[in-house]
Amino acid sequence: QVQLVESGGGLVQPGGSLRLSCVVSGNKFSMYGMGWYRQAPGQQRELVATIANDGVANYREFVKGRFTISRDNAKSTVYLQMNSLEPEDTAVYYCNAPRGLGSIFSWGQGTQVTVSS
């Protein structure tokens, strides 16, 4: 069973940066497109960015130009570099492999990102 382990969250001031990591267990990581999601308190989980297995990335409009998704297939890891953070980015961030409107794997524990002065 594939496990997802997210890390790298924390408390940061507006305008600051964080780099999130997600390690995916198993040996088929390179086969999957991956995505970063987030869930703010009282809100539904939403997709933030995706990266295909060939490295092509796509972003939701509200993070374009600020966030960068990348992957290292040798390390079975997907990253999310977040710059120019805003209070509205406060959420628990998760990774998963998107499939249609859902996702393939069971969710990990996520990593909390809090943007506040």
PDB file of N, CA and C in Angstrom:
ATOM      1  N   GLN A   1       0.841  -1.192   0.000  1.00  0.00           N
ATOM      2  CA  GLN A   1       0.000   0.000   0.000  1.00  0.00           C
ATOM      3  C   GLN A   1       0.877   1.243   0.000  1.00  0.00           C
ATOM      4  N   VAL A   2       0.567   2.154  -0.900  1.00  0.00           N
ATOM      5  CA  VAL A   2       1.356   3.385  -1.008  1.00  0.00           C
ATOM      6  C   VAL A   2       1.055   4.298   0.176  1.00  0.00           C
ATOM      7  N   GLN A   3       2.106   4.869   0.726  1.00  0.00           N
ATOM      8  CA  GLN A   3       1.965   5.853   1.796  1.00  0.00           C
ATOM      9  C   GLN A   3       2.526   7.182   1.347  1.00  0.00           C
ATOM     10  N   LEU A   4       1.864   8.249   1.765  1.00  0.00           N
ATOM     11  CA  LEU A   4       2.275   9.610   1.436  1.00  0.00           C
ATOM     12  C   LEU A   4       2.681  10.301   2.734  1.00  0.00           C
ATOM     13  N   VAL A   5       3.872  10.873   2.753  1.00  0.00           N
ATOM     14  CA  VAL A   5       4.358  11.546   3.958  1.00  0.00           C
ATOM     15  C   VAL A   5       4.772  12.962   3.586  1.00  0.00           C
ATOM     16  N   GLU A   6       3.962  13.929   4.020  1.00  0.00           N
ATOM     17  CA  GLU A   6       4.214  15.338   3.740  1.00  0.00           C
ATOM     18  C   GLU A   6       5.002  15.972   4.886  1.00  0.00           C
ATOM     19  N   SER A   7       5.830  16.950   4.543  1.00  0.00           N
ATOM     20  CA  SER A   7       6.596  17.674   5.549  1.00  0.00           C
ATOM     21  C   SER A   7       6.963  19.042   5.008  1.00  0.00           C
ATOM     22  N   GLY A   8       7.481  19.890   5.900  1.00  0.00           N
ATOM     23  CA  GLY A   8       8.002  21.191   5.487  1.00  0.00           C
ATOM     24  C   GLY A   8       7.118  22.375   5.837  1.00  0.00           C
ATOM     25  N   GLY A   9       5.943  22.112   6.399  1.00  0.00           N
ATOM     26  CA  GLY A   9       5.075  23.212   6.767  1.00  0.00           C
ATOM     27  C   GLY A   9       5.600  23.970   7.977  1.00  0.00           C
ATOM     28  N   GLY A  10       4.879  25.043   8.335  1.00  0.00           N
ATOM     29  CA  GLY A  10       5.273  25.821   9.489  1.00  0.00           C
ATOM     30  C   GLY A  10       4.561  27.150   9.516  1.00  0.00           C
ATOM     31  N   LEU A  11       5.029  28.008  10.421  1.00  0.00           N
ATOM     32  CA  LEU A  11       4.495  29.355  10.555  1.00  0.00           C
ATOM     33  C   LEU A  11       5.421  30.320   9.837  1.00  0.00           C
ATOM     34  N   VAL A  12       4.861  31.135   8.973  1.00  0.00           N
ATOM     35  CA  VAL A  12       5.672  32.075   8.204  1.00  0.00           C
ATOM     36  C   VAL A  12       4.920  33.393   8.097  1.00  0.00           C
ATOM     37  N   GLN A  13       5.651  34.479   8.015  1.00  0.00           N
ATOM     38  CA  GLN A  13       5.032  35.794   7.868  1.00  0.00           C
ATOM     39  C   GLN A  13       4.579  36.004   6.422  1.00  0.00           C
ATOM     40  N   PRO A  14       3.596  36.874   6.219  1.00  0.00           N
ATOM     41  CA  PRO A  14       3.200  37.203   4.843  1.00  0.00           C
ATOM     42  C   PRO A  14       4.400  37.655   4.036  1.00  0.00           C
ATOM     43  N   GLY A  15       4.461  37.167   2.790  1.00  0.00           N
ATOM     44  CA  GLY A  15       5.601  37.453   1.932  1.00  0.00           C
ATOM     45  C   GLY A  15       6.719  36.446   2.037  1.00  0.00           C
ATOM     46  N   GLY A  16       6.631  35.556   3.011  1.00  0.00           N
ATOM     47  CA  GLY A  16       7.676  34.569   3.219  1.00  0.00           C
ATOM     48  C   GLY A  16       7.557  33.375   2.293  1.00  0.00           C
ATOM     49  N   SER A  17       8.455  32.414   2.513  1.00  0.00           N
ATOM     50  CA  SER A  17       8.537  31.228   1.653  1.00  0.00           C
ATOM     51  C   SER A  17       8.613  29.958   2.482  1.00  0.00           C
ATOM     52  N   LEU A  18       8.139  28.882   1.901  1.00  0.00           N
ATOM     53  CA  LEU A  18       8.275  27.543   2.460  1.00  0.00           C
ATOM     54  C   LEU A  18       8.439  26.562   1.310  1.00  0.00           C
ATOM     55  N   ARG A  19       9.104  25.452   1.606  1.00  0.00           N
ATOM     56  CA  ARG A  19       9.214  24.371   0.625  1.00  0.00           C
ATOM     57  C   ARG A  19       8.665  23.103   1.238  1.00  0.00           C
ATOM     58  N   LEU A  20       7.618  22.587   0.651  1.00  0.00           N
ATOM     59  CA  LEU A  20       6.995  21.360   1.120  1.00  0.00           C
ATOM     60  C   LEU A  20       7.565  20.167   0.357  1.00  0.00           C
ATOM     61  N   SER A  21       7.627  19.041   1.042  1.00  0.00           N
ATOM     62  CA  SER A  21       8.071  17.796   0.432  1.00  0.00           C
ATOM     63  C   SER A  21       7.040  16.707   0.692  1.00  0.00           C
ATOM     64  N   CYS A  22       6.932  15.781  -0.227  1.00  0.00           N
ATOM     65  CA  CYS A  22       6.049  14.628  -0.058  1.00  0.00           C
ATOM     66  C   CYS A  22       6.781  13.403  -0.594  1.00  0.00           C
ATOM     67  N   VAL A  23       7.059  12.478   0.312  1.00  0.00           N
ATOM     68  CA  VAL A  23       7.705  11.230  -0.072  1.00  0.00           C
ATOM     69  C   VAL A  23       6.629  10.170  -0.288  1.00  0.00           C
ATOM     70  N   VAL A  24       6.724   9.489  -1.399  1.00  0.00           N
ATOM     71  CA  VAL A  24       5.739   8.473  -1.784  1.00  0.00           C
ATOM     72  C   VAL A  24       6.391   7.100  -1.718  1.00  0.00           C
ATOM     73  N   SER A  25       5.845   6.207  -0.917  1.00  0.00           N
ATOM     74  CA  SER A  25       6.425   4.864  -0.787  1.00  0.00           C
ATOM     75  C   SER A  25       6.090   4.037  -2.024  1.00  0.00           C
ATOM     76  N   GLY A  26       6.766   2.912  -2.173  1.00  0.00           N
ATOM     77  CA  GLY A  26       6.542   2.064  -3.331  1.00  0.00           C
ATOM     78  C   GLY A  26       7.530   2.388  -4.426  1.00  0.00           C
ATOM     79  N   ASN A  27       7.468   1.623  -5.502  1.00  0.00           N
ATOM     80  CA  ASN A  27       8.476   1.780  -6.549  1.00  0.00           C
ATOM     81  C   ASN A  27       7.893   2.189  -7.888  1.00  0.00           C
ATOM     82  N   LYS A  28       6.688   2.766  -7.852  1.00  0.00           N
ATOM     83  CA  LYS A  28       6.053   3.153  -9.110  1.00  0.00           C
ATOM     84  C   LYS A  28       5.790   4.640  -9.193  1.00  0.00           C
ATOM     85  N   PHE A  29       6.521   5.416  -8.376  1.00  0.00           N
ATOM     86  CA  PHE A  29       6.285   6.857  -8.304  1.00  0.00           C
ATOM     87  C   PHE A  29       6.363   7.507  -9.675  1.00  0.00           C
ATOM     88  N   SER A  30       7.359   7.130 -10.458  1.00  0.00           N
ATOM     89  CA  SER A  30       7.582   7.806 -11.742  1.00  0.00           C
ATOM     90  C   SER A  30       6.421   7.617 -12.719  1.00  0.00           C
ATOM     91  N   MET A  31       5.560   6.659 -12.456  1.00  0.00           N
ATOM     92  CA  MET A  31       4.441   6.389 -13.358  1.00  0.00           C
ATOM     93  C   MET A  31       3.279   7.353 -13.161  1.00  0.00           C
ATOM     94  N   TYR A  32       3.262   8.035 -12.004  1.00  0.00           N
ATOM     95  CA  TYR A  32       2.078   8.805 -11.636  1.00  0.00           C
ATOM     96  C   TYR A  32       2.283  10.301 -11.821  1.00  0.00           C
ATOM     97  N   GLY A  33       1.240  10.942 -12.327  1.00  0.00           N
ATOM     98  CA  GLY A  33       1.158  12.380 -12.153  1.00  0.00           C
ATOM     99  C   GLY A  33       0.844  12.650 -10.693  1.00  0.00           C
ATOM    100  N   MET A  34       1.387  13.726 -10.160  1.00  0.00           N
ATOM    101  CA  MET A  34       1.195  14.043  -8.742  1.00  0.00           C
ATOM    102  C   MET A  34       0.619  15.439  -8.592  1.00  0.00           C
ATOM    103  N   GLY A  35       0.022  15.672  -7.437  1.00  0.00           N
ATOM    104  CA  GLY A  35      -0.536  16.987  -7.189  1.00  0.00           C
ATOM    105  C   GLY A  35      -0.413  17.385  -5.734  1.00  0.00           C
ATOM    106  N   TRP A  36      -0.445  18.675  -5.502  1.00  0.00           N
ATOM    107  CA  TRP A  36      -0.545  19.228  -4.152  1.00  0.00           C
ATOM    108  C   TRP A  36      -1.943  19.793  -3.982  1.00  0.00           C
ATOM    109  N   TYR A  37      -2.523  19.510  -2.822  1.00  0.00           N
ATOM    110  CA  TYR A  37      -3.851  19.967  -2.455  1.00  0.00           C
ATOM    111  C   TYR A  37      -3.743  20.751  -1.152  1.00  0.00           C
ATOM    112  N   ARG A  38      -4.791  21.488  -0.840  1.00  0.00           N
ATOM    113  CA  ARG A  38      -4.823  22.139   0.468  1.00  0.00           C
ATOM    114  C   ARG A  38      -6.261  22.200   0.976  1.00  0.00           C
ATOM    115  N   GLN A  39      -6.363  22.238   2.297  1.00  0.00           N
ATOM    116  CA  GLN A  39      -7.671  22.336   2.939  1.00  0.00           C
ATOM    117  C   GLN A  39      -7.597  23.342   4.070  1.00  0.00           C
ATOM    118  N   ALA A  40      -8.311  24.421   3.893  1.00  0.00           N
ATOM    119  CA  ALA A  40      -8.379  25.452   4.928  1.00  0.00           C
ATOM    120  C   ALA A  40      -9.501  25.092   5.893  1.00  0.00           C
ATOM    121  N   PRO A  41      -9.460  25.624   7.107  1.00  0.00           N
ATOM    122  CA  PRO A  41     -10.492  25.314   8.100  1.00  0.00           C
ATOM    123  C   PRO A  41     -11.885  25.617   7.566  1.00  0.00           C
ATOM    124  N   GLY A  42     -12.782  24.639   7.692  1.00  0.00           N
ATOM    125  CA  GLY A  42     -14.156  24.831   7.270  1.00  0.00           C
ATOM    126  C   GLY A  42     -14.384  24.797   5.772  1.00  0.00           C
ATOM    127  N   GLN A  43     -13.359  24.461   5.019  1.00  0.00           N
ATOM    128  CA  GLN A  43     -13.476  24.462   3.562  1.00  0.00           C
ATOM    129  C   GLN A  43     -13.146  23.081   3.007  1.00  0.00           C
ATOM    130  N   GLN A  44     -13.547  22.861   1.767  1.00  0.00           N
ATOM    131  CA  GLN A  44     -13.233  21.587   1.118  1.00  0.00           C
ATOM    132  C   GLN A  44     -11.786  21.592   0.656  1.00  0.00           C
ATOM    133  N   ARG A  45     -11.244  20.408   0.539  1.00  0.00           N
ATOM    134  CA  ARG A  45      -9.897  20.267   0.006  1.00  0.00           C
ATOM    135  C   ARG A  45      -9.909  20.660  -1.476  1.00  0.00           C
ATOM    136  N   GLU A  46      -8.865  21.403  -1.880  1.00  0.00           N
ATOM    137  CA  GLU A  46      -8.796  21.859  -3.259  1.00  0.00           C
ATOM    138  C   GLU A  46      -7.423  21.571  -3.850  1.00  0.00           C
ATOM    139  N   LEU A  47      -7.437  21.321  -5.145  1.00  0.00           N
ATOM    140  CA  LEU A  47      -6.196  21.057  -5.856  1.00  0.00           C
ATOM    141  C   LEU A  47      -5.483  22.380  -6.120  1.00  0.00           C
ATOM    142  N   VAL A  48      -4.173  22.391  -5.892  1.00  0.00           N
ATOM    143  CA  VAL A  48      -3.382  23.617  -6.026  1.00  0.00           C
ATOM    144  C   VAL A  48      -2.502  23.574  -7.271  1.00  0.00           C
ATOM    145  N   ALA A  49      -1.829  22.444  -7.463  1.00  0.00           N
ATOM    146  CA  ALA A  49      -0.898  22.323  -8.583  1.00  0.00           C
ATOM    147  C   ALA A  49      -0.711  20.851  -8.909  1.00  0.00           C
ATOM    148  N   THR A  50      -0.392  20.579 -10.162  1.00  0.00           N
ATOM    149  CA  THR A  50      -0.133  19.205 -10.580  1.00  0.00           C
ATOM    150  C   THR A  50       1.151  19.148 -11.399  1.00  0.00           C
ATOM    151  N   ILE A  51       1.761  17.975 -11.404  1.00  0.00           N
ATOM    152  CA  ILE A  51       2.919  17.743 -12.259  1.00  0.00           C
ATOM    153  C   ILE A  51       2.784  16.352 -12.859  1.00  0.00           C
ATOM    154  N   ALA A  52       2.848  16.291 -14.177  1.00  0.00           N
ATOM    155  CA  ALA A  52       2.716  15.013 -14.857  1.00  0.00           C
ATOM    156  C   ALA A  52       3.995  14.195 -14.701  1.00  0.00           C
ATOM    157  N   ASN A  53       3.915  12.917 -15.078  1.00  0.00           N
ATOM    158  CA  ASN A  53       5.116  12.090 -14.915  1.00  0.00           C
ATOM    159  C   ASN A  53       6.224  12.528 -15.865  1.00  0.00           C
ATOM    160  N   ASP A  54       5.907  13.343 -16.870  1.00  0.00           N
ATOM    161  CA  ASP A  54       6.947  13.879 -17.746  1.00  0.00           C
ATOM    162  C   ASP A  54       7.429  15.249 -17.295  1.00  0.00           C
ATOM    163  N   GLY A  55       6.914  15.727 -16.152  1.00  0.00           N
ATOM    164  CA  GLY A  55       7.391  16.986 -15.586  1.00  0.00           C
ATOM    165  C   GLY A  55       6.589  18.221 -15.953  1.00  0.00           C
ATOM    166  N   VAL A  56       5.566  18.075 -16.770  1.00  0.00           N
ATOM    167  CA  VAL A  56       4.755  19.231 -17.144  1.00  0.00           C
ATOM    168  C   VAL A  56       3.876  19.630 -15.958  1.00  0.00           C
ATOM    169  N   ALA A  57       3.939  20.905 -15.603  1.00  0.00           N
ATOM    170  CA  ALA A  57       3.241  21.402 -14.419  1.00  0.00           C
ATOM    171  C   ALA A  57       2.053  22.276 -14.804  1.00  0.00           C
ATOM    172  N   ASN A  58       1.051  22.251 -13.933  1.00  0.00           N
ATOM    173  CA  ASN A  58      -0.099  23.135 -14.084  1.00  0.00           C
ATOM    174  C   ASN A  58      -0.476  23.688 -12.712  1.00  0.00           C
ATOM    175  N   TYR A  59      -1.003  24.912 -12.713  1.00  0.00           N
ATOM    176  CA  TYR A  59      -1.294  25.605 -11.468  1.00  0.00           C
ATOM    177  C   TYR A  59      -2.688  26.216 -11.493  1.00  0.00           C
ATOM    178  N   ARG A  60      -3.310  26.240 -10.313  1.00  0.00           N
ATOM    179  CA  ARG A  60      -4.521  27.032 -10.161  1.00  0.00           C
ATOM    180  C   ARG A  60      -4.139  28.500 -10.241  1.00  0.00           C
ATOM    181  N   GLU A  61      -5.094  29.277 -10.701  1.00  0.00           N
ATOM    182  CA  GLU A  61      -4.809  30.685 -10.954  1.00  0.00           C
ATOM    183  C   GLU A  61      -4.318  31.396  -9.705  1.00  0.00           C
ATOM    184  N   PHE A  62      -4.852  31.024  -8.544  1.00  0.00           N
ATOM    185  CA  PHE A  62      -4.536  31.777  -7.326  1.00  0.00           C
ATOM    186  C   PHE A  62      -3.129  31.514  -6.800  1.00  0.00           C
ATOM    187  N   VAL A  63      -2.383  30.582  -7.404  1.00  0.00           N
ATOM    188  CA  VAL A  63      -0.992  30.356  -6.975  1.00  0.00           C
ATOM    189  C   VAL A  63      -0.004  30.567  -8.118  1.00  0.00           C
ATOM    190  N   LYS A  64      -0.502  30.841  -9.303  1.00  0.00           N
ATOM    191  CA  LYS A  64       0.394  31.032 -10.440  1.00  0.00           C
ATOM    192  C   LYS A  64       1.378  32.159 -10.173  1.00  0.00           C
ATOM    193  N   GLY A  65       2.637  31.910 -10.504  1.00  0.00           N
ATOM    194  CA  GLY A  65       3.670  32.916 -10.299  1.00  0.00           C
ATOM    195  C   GLY A  65       4.231  32.945  -8.892  1.00  0.00           C
ATOM    196  N   ARG A  66       3.595  32.237  -7.959  1.00  0.00           N
ATOM    197  CA  ARG A  66       4.083  32.213  -6.572  1.00  0.00           C
ATOM    198  C   ARG A  66       4.559  30.826  -6.158  1.00  0.00           C
ATOM    199  N   PHE A  67       3.881  29.797  -6.620  1.00  0.00           N
ATOM    200  CA  PHE A  67       4.199  28.416  -6.241  1.00  0.00           C
ATOM    201  C   PHE A  67       4.844  27.692  -7.414  1.00  0.00           C
ATOM    202  N   THR A  68       5.754  26.767  -7.101  1.00  0.00           N
ATOM    203  CA  THR A  68       6.376  25.924  -8.120  1.00  0.00           C
ATOM    204  C   THR A  68       6.357  24.485  -7.650  1.00  0.00           C
ATOM    205  N   ILE A  69       5.787  23.613  -8.456  1.00  0.00           N
ATOM    206  CA  ILE A  69       5.775  22.185  -8.156  1.00  0.00           C
ATOM    207  C   ILE A  69       6.889  21.512  -8.940  1.00  0.00           C
ATOM    208  N   SER A  70       7.540  20.548  -8.310  1.00  0.00           N
ATOM    209  CA  SER A  70       8.610  19.812  -8.982  1.00  0.00           C
ATOM    210  C   SER A  70       8.640  18.386  -8.430  1.00  0.00           C
ATOM    211  N   ARG A  71       9.395  17.546  -9.075  1.00  0.00           N
ATOM    212  CA  ARG A  71       9.477  16.162  -8.616  1.00  0.00           C
ATOM    213  C   ARG A  71      10.877  15.611  -8.840  1.00  0.00           C
ATOM    214  N   ASP A  72      11.247  14.657  -8.006  1.00  0.00           N
ATOM    215  CA  ASP A  72      12.508  13.941  -8.131  1.00  0.00           C
ATOM    216  C   ASP A  72      12.151  12.460  -8.137  1.00  0.00           C
ATOM    217  N   ASN A  73      12.126  11.869  -9.310  1.00  0.00           N
ATOM    218  CA  ASN A  73      11.694  10.473  -9.409  1.00  0.00           C
ATOM    219  C   ASN A  73      12.655   9.527  -8.702  1.00  0.00           C
ATOM    220  N   ALA A  74      13.927   9.873  -8.674  1.00  0.00           N
ATOM    221  CA  ALA A  74      14.908   9.012  -7.998  1.00  0.00           C
ATOM    222  C   ALA A  74      14.655   8.960  -6.499  1.00  0.00           C
ATOM    223  N   LYS A  75      14.064  10.013  -5.962  1.00  0.00           N
ATOM    224  CA  LYS A  75      13.781  10.072  -4.522  1.00  0.00           C
ATOM    225  C   LYS A  75      12.308   9.839  -4.216  1.00  0.00           C
ATOM    226  N   SER A  76      11.514   9.565  -5.254  1.00  0.00           N
ATOM    227  CA  SER A  76      10.063   9.366  -5.066  1.00  0.00           C
ATOM    228  C   SER A  76       9.462  10.512  -4.272  1.00  0.00           C
ATOM    229  N   THR A  77       9.833  11.720  -4.626  1.00  0.00           N
ATOM    230  CA  THR A  77       9.427  12.898  -3.858  1.00  0.00           C
ATOM    231  C   THR A  77       8.881  13.968  -4.795  1.00  0.00           C
ATOM    232  N   VAL A  78       7.817  14.611  -4.340  1.00  0.00           N
ATOM    233  CA  VAL A  78       7.271  15.765  -5.037  1.00  0.00           C
ATOM    234  C   VAL A  78       7.377  16.958  -4.091  1.00  0.00           C
ATOM    235  N   TYR A  79       7.708  18.106  -4.652  1.00  0.00           N
ATOM    236  CA  TYR A  79       7.953  19.319  -3.860  1.00  0.00           C
ATOM    237  C   TYR A  79       6.960  20.414  -4.246  1.00  0.00           C
ATOM    238  N   LEU A  80       6.780  21.341  -3.304  1.00  0.00           N
ATOM    239  CA  LEU A  80       6.026  22.547  -3.613  1.00  0.00           C
ATOM    240  C   LEU A  80       6.775  23.721  -2.994  1.00  0.00           C
ATOM    241  N   GLN A  81       7.392  24.511  -3.847  1.00  0.00           N
ATOM    242  CA  GLN A  81       8.055  25.740  -3.406  1.00  0.00           C
ATOM    243  C   GLN A  81       7.019  26.843  -3.386  1.00  0.00           C
ATOM    244  N   MET A  82       6.824  27.438  -2.231  1.00  0.00           N
ATOM    245  CA  MET A  82       5.801  28.469  -2.065  1.00  0.00           C
ATOM    246  C   MET A  82       6.465  29.791  -1.703  1.00  0.00           C
ATOM    247  N   ASN A  83       6.329  30.771  -2.547  1.00  0.00           N
ATOM    248  CA  ASN A  83       6.888  32.096  -2.320  1.00  0.00           C
ATOM    249  C   ASN A  83       5.759  33.114  -2.209  1.00  0.00           C
ATOM    250  N   SER A  84       6.099  34.285  -1.699  1.00  0.00           N
ATOM    251  CA  SER A  84       5.117  35.378  -1.575  1.00  0.00           C
ATOM    252  C   SER A  84       3.834  34.884  -0.913  1.00  0.00           C
ATOM    253  N   LEU A  85       4.005  34.193   0.186  1.00  0.00           N
ATOM    254  CA  LEU A  85       2.843  33.601   0.854  1.00  0.00           C
ATOM    255  C   LEU A  85       1.915  34.668   1.418  1.00  0.00           C
ATOM    256  N   GLU A  86       0.641  34.340   1.370  1.00  0.00           N
ATOM    257  CA  GLU A  86      -0.415  35.238   1.832  1.00  0.00           C
ATOM    258  C   GLU A  86      -1.209  34.542   2.935  1.00  0.00           C
ATOM    259  N   PRO A  87      -1.852  35.310   3.799  1.00  0.00           N
ATOM    260  CA  PRO A  87      -2.676  34.676   4.847  1.00  0.00           C
ATOM    261  C   PRO A  87      -3.699  33.697   4.278  1.00  0.00           C
ATOM    262  N   GLU A  88      -4.188  33.958   3.071  1.00  0.00           N
ATOM    263  CA  GLU A  88      -5.174  33.077   2.438  1.00  0.00           C
ATOM    264  C   GLU A  88      -4.585  31.716   2.060  1.00  0.00           C
ATOM    265  N   ASP A  89      -3.280  31.591   2.102  1.00  0.00           N
ATOM    266  CA  ASP A  89      -2.636  30.303   1.815  1.00  0.00           C
ATOM    267  C   ASP A  89      -2.611  29.389   3.042  1.00  0.00           C
ATOM    268  N   THR A  90      -3.047  29.898   4.169  1.00  0.00           N
ATOM    269  CA  THR A  90      -3.082  29.092   5.386  1.00  0.00           C
ATOM    270  C   THR A  90      -3.996  27.889   5.205  1.00  0.00           C
ATOM    271  N   ALA A  91      -3.453  26.696   5.416  1.00  0.00           N
ATOM    272  CA  ALA A  91      -4.205  25.459   5.196  1.00  0.00           C
ATOM    273  C   ALA A  91      -3.312  24.277   5.564  1.00  0.00           C
ATOM    274  N   VAL A  92      -3.922  23.107   5.615  1.00  0.00           N
ATOM    275  CA  VAL A  92      -3.153  21.867   5.647  1.00  0.00           C
ATOM    276  C   VAL A  92      -2.934  21.447   4.199  1.00  0.00           C
ATOM    277  N   TYR A  93      -1.673  21.169   3.873  1.00  0.00           N
ATOM    278  CA  TYR A  93      -1.303  20.822   2.505  1.00  0.00           C
ATOM    279  C   TYR A  93      -1.051  19.317   2.419  1.00  0.00           C
ATOM    280  N   TYR A  94      -1.580  18.727   1.349  1.00  0.00           N
ATOM    281  CA  TYR A  94      -1.474  17.295   1.107  1.00  0.00           C
ATOM    282  C   TYR A  94      -0.965  17.044  -0.316  1.00  0.00           C
ATOM    283  N   CYS A  95      -0.356  15.907  -0.500  1.00  0.00           N
ATOM    284  CA  CYS A  95      -0.055  15.478  -1.864  1.00  0.00           C
ATOM    285  C   CYS A  95      -0.855  14.218  -2.170  1.00  0.00           C
ATOM    286  N   ASN A  96      -1.059  13.968  -3.449  1.00  0.00           N
ATOM    287  CA  ASN A  96      -1.715  12.755  -3.902  1.00  0.00           C
ATOM    288  C   ASN A  96      -1.571  12.683  -5.409  1.00  0.00           C
ATOM    289  N   ALA A  97      -2.040  11.602  -5.979  1.00  0.00           N
ATOM    290  CA  ALA A  97      -2.032  11.432  -7.428  1.00  0.00           C
ATOM    291  C   ALA A  97      -3.444  11.671  -7.935  1.00  0.00           C
ATOM    292  N   PRO A  98      -3.655  12.764  -8.658  1.00  0.00           N
ATOM    293  CA  PRO A  98      -5.008  13.075  -9.130  1.00  0.00           C
ATOM    294  C   PRO A  98      -5.513  12.015 -10.113  1.00  0.00           C
ATOM    295  N   ARG A  99      -6.810  11.707 -10.003  1.00  0.00           N
ATOM    296  CA  ARG A  99      -7.467  10.847 -10.984  1.00  0.00           C
ATOM    297  C   ARG A  99      -8.886  11.357 -11.154  1.00  0.00           C
ATOM    298  N   GLY A 100      -9.171  11.947 -12.297  1.00  0.00           N
ATOM    299  CA  GLY A 100     -10.470  12.558 -12.503  1.00  0.00           C
ATOM    300  C   GLY A 100     -10.705  13.645 -11.470  1.00  0.00           C
ATOM    301  N   LEU A 101     -11.846  13.592 -10.815  1.00  0.00           N
ATOM    302  CA  LEU A 101     -12.146  14.548  -9.752  1.00  0.00           C
ATOM    303  C   LEU A 101     -11.676  14.045  -8.389  1.00  0.00           C
ATOM    304  N   GLY A 102     -11.063  12.873  -8.373  1.00  0.00           N
ATOM    305  CA  GLY A 102     -10.618  12.297  -7.115  1.00  0.00           C
ATOM    306  C   GLY A 102      -9.124  12.119  -7.084  1.00  0.00           C
ATOM    307  N   SER A 103      -8.687  11.144  -6.328  1.00  0.00           N
ATOM    308  CA  SER A 103      -7.267  10.869  -6.187  1.00  0.00           C
ATOM    309  C   SER A 103      -7.088   9.372  -6.000  1.00  0.00           C
ATOM    310  N   ILE A 104      -5.858   8.927  -6.227  1.00  0.00           N
ATOM    311  CA  ILE A 104      -5.608   7.498  -6.283  1.00  0.00           C
ATOM    312  C   ILE A 104      -5.344   6.893  -4.918  1.00  0.00           C
ATOM    313  N   PHE A 105      -4.546   7.583  -4.117  1.00  0.00           N
ATOM    314  CA  PHE A 105      -4.057   6.981  -2.888  1.00  0.00           C
ATOM    315  C   PHE A 105      -4.835   7.460  -1.667  1.00  0.00           C
ATOM    316  N   SER A 106      -4.684   6.718  -0.572  1.00  0.00           N
ATOM    317  CA  SER A 106      -5.205   7.189   0.704  1.00  0.00           C
ATOM    318  C   SER A 106      -4.429   8.433   1.119  1.00  0.00           C
ATOM    319  N   TRP A 107      -5.089   9.337   1.790  1.00  0.00           N
ATOM    320  CA  TRP A 107      -4.450  10.598   2.169  1.00  0.00           C
ATOM    321  C   TRP A 107      -3.457  10.414   3.310  1.00  0.00           C
ATOM    322  N   GLY A 108      -2.377  11.178   3.247  1.00  0.00           N
ATOM    323  CA  GLY A 108      -1.434  11.233   4.348  1.00  0.00           C
ATOM    324  C   GLY A 108      -1.934  12.189   5.416  1.00  0.00           C
ATOM    325  N   GLN A 109      -1.035  12.501   6.342  1.00  0.00           N
ATOM    326  CA  GLN A 109      -1.428  13.352   7.466  1.00  0.00           C
ATOM    327  C   GLN A 109      -1.414  14.838   7.093  1.00  0.00           C
ATOM    328  N   GLY A 110      -0.779  15.165   5.995  1.00  0.00           N
ATOM    329  CA  GLY A 110      -0.679  16.565   5.591  1.00  0.00           C
ATOM    330  C   GLY A 110       0.354  17.322   6.407  1.00  0.00           C
ATOM    331  N   THR A 111       0.601  18.554   5.996  1.00  0.00           N
ATOM    332  CA  THR A 111       1.518  19.430   6.723  1.00  0.00           C
ATOM    333  C   THR A 111       0.873  20.809   6.820  1.00  0.00           C
ATOM    334  N   GLN A 112       0.881  21.362   8.027  1.00  0.00           N
ATOM    335  CA  GLN A 112       0.186  22.626   8.285  1.00  0.00           C
ATOM    336  C   GLN A 112       1.050  23.805   7.839  1.00  0.00           C
ATOM    337  N   VAL A 113       0.447  24.689   7.074  1.00  0.00           N
ATOM    338  CA  VAL A 113       1.073  25.947   6.683  1.00  0.00           C
ATOM    339  C   VAL A 113       0.222  27.078   7.254  1.00  0.00           C
ATOM    340  N   THR A 114       0.864  27.925   8.046  1.00  0.00           N
ATOM    341  CA  THR A 114       0.179  29.059   8.635  1.00  0.00           C
ATOM    342  C   THR A 114       0.923  30.333   8.248  1.00  0.00           C
ATOM    343  N   VAL A 115       0.199  31.246   7.608  1.00  0.00           N
ATOM    344  CA  VAL A 115       0.792  32.511   7.181  1.00  0.00           C
ATOM    345  C   VAL A 115       0.162  33.617   8.024  1.00  0.00           C
ATOM    346  N   SER A 116       0.953  34.182   8.877  1.00  0.00           N
ATOM    347  CA  SER A 116       0.438  35.180   9.810  1.00  0.00           C
ATOM    348  C   SER A 116       1.557  36.056  10.305  1.00  0.00           C
ATOM    349  N   SER A 117       1.222  37.315  10.578  1.00  0.00           N
ATOM    350  CA  SER A 117       2.201  38.223  11.168  1.00  0.00           C
ATOM    351  C   SER A 117       2.078  38.219  12.682  1.00  0.00           C
TER     352      SER A 117
END
